[in-house]
Amino acid sequence: MPNVARCRSRIKVLFWDGSGLWLCVKRLEKGRFSWPAVEEGMARVNLRAEELTLLLGGIELERTRAKEWWRREGK
C-alpha cells in the first residue's frame, strides 16, 4: 500500500512478509514520482509488483501498456 507525499518526491510502501510489516521509504533528490491517476473518492491505488518497479524506476505508468501474452490453456 504505497503512500506518496503531496510534493510527490517521497514514497512509502508497507509490505507484509508473513511475519510482520516492512516499511520501505524512498525520497528523490530531484524530480517527482509520476503517480497514476486516482479515481475520485478513492484513497489508495493497487499496483502489481511490475507497476511498482516501473514507478520506482521513474517510468510513467500511463505511457506504458501491458504486453498481451499468449498462453496455452490447461487441459
C-alpha atoms as a PDB file:
ATOM      1  CA  MET A   1       0.000   0.000   0.000  1.00  0.00           C
ATOM      2  CA  PRO A   2       2.119   2.919  -1.235  1.00  0.00           C
ATOM      3  CA  ASN A   3       1.716   6.407   0.212  1.00  0.00           C
ATOM      4  CA  VAL A   4       3.038   9.443  -1.687  1.00  0.00           C
ATOM      5  CA  ALA A   5       3.779  12.848  -0.170  1.00  0.00           C
ATOM      6  CA  ARG A   6       1.975  15.863  -1.632  1.00  0.00           C
ATOM      7  CA  CYS A   7       5.151  17.059  -3.326  1.00  0.00           C
ATOM      8  CA  ARG A   8       5.475  13.555  -4.857  1.00  0.00           C
ATOM      9  CA  SER A   9       9.185  13.360  -4.045  1.00  0.00           C
ATOM     10  CA  ARG A  10       8.702  10.628  -1.409  1.00  0.00           C
ATOM     11  CA  ILE A  11       7.032   7.250  -1.421  1.00  0.00           C
ATOM     12  CA  LYS A  12       6.323   4.847   1.445  1.00  0.00           C
ATOM     13  CA  VAL A  13       5.425   1.200   0.892  1.00  0.00           C
ATOM     14  CA  LEU A  14       4.084  -1.194   3.513  1.00  0.00           C
ATOM     15  CA  PHE A  15       4.968  -4.815   2.751  1.00  0.00           C
ATOM     16  CA  TRP A  16       3.655  -7.850   4.648  1.00  0.00           C
ATOM     17  CA  ASP A  17       6.165 -10.744   4.587  1.00  0.00           C
ATOM     18  CA  GLY A  18       4.057 -13.183   6.578  1.00  0.00           C
ATOM     19  CA  SER A  19       5.601 -12.454   9.965  1.00  0.00           C
ATOM     20  CA  GLY A  20       5.332  -8.671  10.102  1.00  0.00           C
ATOM     21  CA  LEU A  21       5.252  -5.425   8.166  1.00  0.00           C
ATOM     22  CA  TRP A  22       8.198  -3.797   6.404  1.00  0.00           C
ATOM     23  CA  LEU A  23       8.177  -0.041   5.866  1.00  0.00           C
ATOM     24  CA  CYS A  24      10.137   0.952   2.763  1.00  0.00           C
ATOM     25  CA  VAL A  25      10.747   4.651   2.077  1.00  0.00           C
ATOM     26  CA  LYS A  26      12.314   6.315  -0.963  1.00  0.00           C
ATOM     27  CA  ARG A  27      12.961  10.069  -1.366  1.00  0.00           C
ATOM     28  CA  LEU A  28      14.027  11.658  -4.616  1.00  0.00           C
ATOM     29  CA  GLU A  29      16.681  14.374  -4.533  1.00  0.00           C
ATOM     30  CA  LYS A  30      15.308  15.881  -7.764  1.00  0.00           C
ATOM     31  CA  GLY A  31      12.120  15.343  -9.715  1.00  0.00           C
ATOM     32  CA  ARG A  32       8.838  13.730  -8.780  1.00  0.00           C
ATOM     33  CA  PHE A  33       7.205  10.335  -8.954  1.00  0.00           C
ATOM     34  CA  SER A  34       4.647  10.240 -11.753  1.00  0.00           C
ATOM     35  CA  TRP A  35       1.844   8.699  -9.769  1.00  0.00           C
ATOM     36  CA  PRO A  36      -1.059   7.086 -11.686  1.00  0.00           C
ATOM     37  CA  ALA A  37      -4.411   8.865 -11.693  1.00  0.00           C
ATOM     38  CA  VAL A  38      -6.648   8.040  -8.731  1.00  0.00           C
ATOM     39  CA  GLU A  39     -10.406   7.763  -9.139  1.00  0.00           C
ATOM     40  CA  GLU A  40     -12.403  10.350  -7.233  1.00  0.00           C
ATOM     41  CA  GLY A  41     -13.272   9.199  -3.724  1.00  0.00           C
ATOM     42  CA  MET A  42     -10.516   6.555  -3.627  1.00  0.00           C
ATOM     43  CA  ALA A  43      -7.753   6.946  -1.057  1.00  0.00           C
ATOM     44  CA  ARG A  44      -5.337   4.370  -2.492  1.00  0.00           C
ATOM     45  CA  VAL A  45      -4.103   2.696  -5.646  1.00  0.00           C
ATOM     46  CA  ASN A  46      -3.419  -1.024  -6.014  1.00  0.00           C
ATOM     47  CA  LEU A  47      -0.303  -1.781  -8.040  1.00  0.00           C
ATOM     48  CA  ARG A  48       1.143  -5.053  -9.288  1.00  0.00           C
ATOM     49  CA  ALA A  49       4.809  -5.701  -8.478  1.00  0.00           C
ATOM     50  CA  GLU A  50       5.781  -4.845 -12.066  1.00  0.00           C
ATOM     51  CA  GLU A  51       3.973  -1.499 -11.900  1.00  0.00           C
ATOM     52  CA  LEU A  52       5.659  -0.596  -8.608  1.00  0.00           C
ATOM     53  CA  THR A  53       9.054  -1.433 -10.117  1.00  0.00           C
ATOM     54  CA  LEU A  54       8.344   0.854 -13.082  1.00  0.00           C
ATOM     55  CA  LEU A  55       7.143   3.657 -10.782  1.00  0.00           C
ATOM     56  CA  LEU A  56      10.255   3.435  -8.599  1.00  0.00           C
ATOM     57  CA  GLY A  57      12.419   3.362 -11.742  1.00  0.00           C
ATOM     58  CA  GLY A  58      10.985   6.668 -12.953  1.00  0.00           C
ATOM     59  CA  ILE A  59       8.813   5.306 -15.758  1.00  0.00           C
ATOM     60  CA  GLU A  60       5.368   6.849 -16.293  1.00  0.00           C
ATOM     61  CA  LEU A  61       2.741   4.127 -15.930  1.00  0.00           C
ATOM     62  CA  GLU A  62       0.170   5.966 -18.033  1.00  0.00           C
ATOM     63  CA  ARG A  63       2.508   5.871 -21.045  1.00  0.00           C
ATOM     64  CA  THR A  64       3.108   2.128 -20.845  1.00  0.00           C
ATOM     65  CA  ARG A  65       0.914  -0.853 -21.604  1.00  0.00           C
ATOM     66  CA  ALA A  66       0.992  -4.494 -20.660  1.00  0.00           C
ATOM     67  CA  LYS A  67       2.041  -6.914 -23.392  1.00  0.00           C
ATOM     68  CA  GLU A  68      -0.636  -9.355 -24.496  1.00  0.00           C
ATOM     69  CA  TRP A  69       0.891 -12.779 -23.785  1.00  0.00           C
ATOM     70  CA  TRP A  70      -0.368 -15.921 -25.411  1.00  0.00           C
ATOM     71  CA  ARG A  71      -0.680 -18.856 -23.043  1.00  0.00           C
ATOM     72  CA  ARG A  72      -1.792 -22.388 -23.785  1.00  0.00           C
ATOM     73  CA  GLU A  73      -4.902 -23.261 -21.811  1.00  0.00           C
ATOM     74  CA  GLY A  74      -4.672 -26.230 -19.464  1.00  0.00           C
ATOM     75  CA  LYS A  75      -6.476 -29.461 -20.281  1.00  0.00           C
END
